[in-house]
Amino acid sequence: MSGTERPAAARVPQDAIDAARAVIREHHPAARAAFLGGSVVTGRRTATSDLDIVVLLHGAPAPYRASFHHSGWPVELFVHTEGTWHAYVEREVRKRRSPLLWMCADGLSLFDTDGVGARLAAEARKLTAAGPPTVSAEEIDDRRYSITDLLDDLLGSADQGERLFIATELARRTGELALAIGGSWGGGGKWLARRLETTAPGLVMRLQHAVREVLEGQVEPLVCVVDEVLDQAGGRLWDGYRRCG
């Protein structure tokens, strides 16, 4: 979720809120605070959107994560103490991709018994607004190298099955590189596409069309799009690339 898509409580379906609260009453009635996050609290929810629920406890059995169904809703439960929340967020922020952080920054507070929810939400909003850590030159070179290798594989392959997987991997890695050089938070799956909408407008559509062209036997359009993103990071990288073990 981008920092521009802040949910409003009025937009969240009441049945989703009621189901989330029922989940917490059943599993952790003594919880300190809880958030409902993810697509369900935005205008981009779908018929298959699940309930992403962050729960804050005083101690055990946190931390843990569980997935299950409740009253027809798919549920993903992320259970933490205040301490483990900070530890997980710190680890995820270093990777520039923190679903936990965004669920609390943009999520709907379900309840907050002692102020811990408000405290963590404020911290989450501060961190998301500050942006991710700067990507290292070494990581950029690693990404350039892996994409260059995939481009060579694509250009050398005449097998349509191979091309399918090479092309989709190229699209994903190119999108991730665009986010890295654009200073954006990372994301996977649909969140990769959503973050690219603001970081690199038009890139998702161009990659989509280019991958379709590969499946129809034309690799040049995808090579062109990938090279354009690579050029922003210094171009293809093969000769001279070296990493010590």
Foldseek 3Di string as FASTA:
>chain_A
DAPVFAFDPVQADPVLLVQLVVVCCVPPVPWQWKWWFDPRRGPNDDPQDATEMETEHQDPPPQDWDWDDDPRGTYIYGYHHLVVLVVQQVVCLQVLADPSLRRLCRTDISDHRDCSSVVSNVVSVVVSVVAGDQDDLLVLLVLLAVLLVLVVVCVPDPDLVVNLVSLVVNLVSLLQLLCNLLRHRDDDDVVSVVRCCPSPNPLVVQSVVQSVVVNVPDNVSSVVSSQVSQVSSPGHDDPPDDDDD
